[in-house]
Amino acid sequence: MLRTALIGLAAIGLIAGAASAQGKMDCAAMYKGALDKMQAKAAGLPGDKLAETHRLALRAYDACSAGDEFNATKFFQQLAEEAR
């Protein structure tokens, strides 16, 4: 009886893990995309602004990698606005 319950819990855990993995953000692609968009504008930026942009991109990547999709999305949106 206990064995059946443990197998059932393990199966539910695997199903839940697979479902949550489907909605994950592609952190590396979003990071690269943000930097690619900034590349054209980067030539005219002063060094301190360029460093600030790279730090923001790294914060976005780190938040995304940690599973913090809310802050990652916010940071990536901020980078997109700066690229305009």
Protein backbone atom coordinates (compact mmCIF):
# COMPACT_ATOMS: atom_id res chain seq x y z
CA MET A 1 0.00 0.00 0.00
CA LEU A 2 2.77 2.43 0.94
CA ARG A 3 4.71 1.43 -2.16
CA THR A 4 1.75 2.24 -4.42
CA ALA A 5 1.32 5.63 -2.78
CA LEU A 6 4.99 6.47 -3.26
CA ILE A 7 4.88 5.44 -6.91
CA GLY A 8 1.77 7.58 -7.39
CA LEU A 9 3.46 10.60 -5.80
CA ALA A 10 6.54 10.11 -7.96
CA ALA A 11 4.39 9.96 -11.09
CA ILE A 12 2.55 13.14 -10.13
CA GLY A 13 5.89 14.85 -9.50
CA LEU A 14 7.18 13.86 -12.93
CA ILE A 15 4.02 15.07 -14.64
CA ALA A 16 4.11 18.38 -12.79
CA GLY A 17 7.79 18.84 -13.60
CA ALA A 18 7.22 18.21 -17.28
CA ALA A 19 4.30 20.64 -17.38
CA SER A 20 6.26 23.41 -15.68
CA ALA A 21 9.24 22.95 -18.01
CA GLN A 22 7.07 23.66 -21.05
CA GLY A 23 6.48 27.29 -20.08
CA LYS A 24 10.10 28.19 -19.33
CA MET A 25 11.72 31.17 -20.99
CA ASP A 26 14.73 30.65 -23.27
CA CYS A 27 17.11 32.77 -21.22
CA ALA A 28 20.11 32.50 -23.53
CA ALA A 29 18.12 33.42 -26.63
CA MET A 30 16.49 36.39 -24.89
CA TYR A 31 19.86 37.62 -23.60
CA LYS A 32 21.47 37.32 -27.03
CA GLY A 33 18.49 38.98 -28.70
CA ALA A 34 18.61 41.93 -26.31
CA LEU A 35 22.32 42.45 -26.89
CA ASP A 36 21.92 42.09 -30.66
CA LYS A 37 19.28 44.84 -30.64
CA MET A 38 21.59 47.09 -28.60
CA GLN A 39 24.61 46.47 -30.81
CA ALA A 40 23.62 49.03 -33.45
CA LYS A 41 23.08 51.70 -30.82
CA ALA A 42 26.13 50.74 -28.73
CA ALA A 43 28.62 52.55 -30.95
CA GLY A 44 27.19 55.92 -29.95
CA LEU A 45 26.89 55.22 -26.23
CA PRO A 46 29.39 56.46 -23.66
CA GLY A 47 31.29 53.75 -21.80
CA ASP A 48 29.38 54.09 -18.54
CA LYS A 49 25.99 53.76 -20.30
CA LEU A 50 27.23 50.74 -22.24
CA ALA A 51 28.41 49.09 -19.00
CA GLU A 52 25.05 49.85 -17.37
CA THR A 53 23.26 48.22 -20.31
CA HIS A 54 25.40 45.10 -20.05
CA ARG A 55 24.76 44.91 -16.30
CA LEU A 56 21.01 45.16 -16.90
CA ALA A 57 21.22 42.39 -19.50
CA LEU A 58 23.11 40.19 -17.03
CA ARG A 59 20.53 40.91 -14.32
CA ALA A 60 17.80 39.87 -16.74
CA TYR A 61 19.67 36.68 -17.64
CA ASP A 62 20.35 35.84 -13.99
CA ALA A 63 16.71 36.41 -13.02
CA CYS A 64 15.57 34.26 -15.93
CA SER A 65 18.04 31.48 -15.06
CA ALA A 66 16.85 31.53 -11.46
CA GLY A 67 13.24 31.09 -12.60
CA ASP A 68 12.18 34.64 -11.72
CA GLU A 69 10.18 35.25 -14.89
CA PHE A 70 8.53 38.41 -13.53
CA ASN A 71 11.77 40.34 -13.02
CA ALA A 72 13.42 38.81 -16.08
CA THR A 73 10.54 40.01 -18.26
CA LYS A 74 10.72 43.46 -16.67
CA PHE A 75 14.47 43.73 -17.29
CA PHE A 76 14.24 42.46 -20.88
CA GLN A 77 11.44 44.97 -21.58
CA GLN A 78 13.60 47.74 -20.15
CA LEU A 79 16.42 46.70 -22.46
CA ALA A 80 14.07 46.71 -25.45
CA GLU A 81 12.96 50.25 -24.61
CA GLU A 82 16.59 51.40 -24.40
CA ALA A 83 17.34 49.81 -27.79
CA ARG A 84 14.79 52.06 -29.51
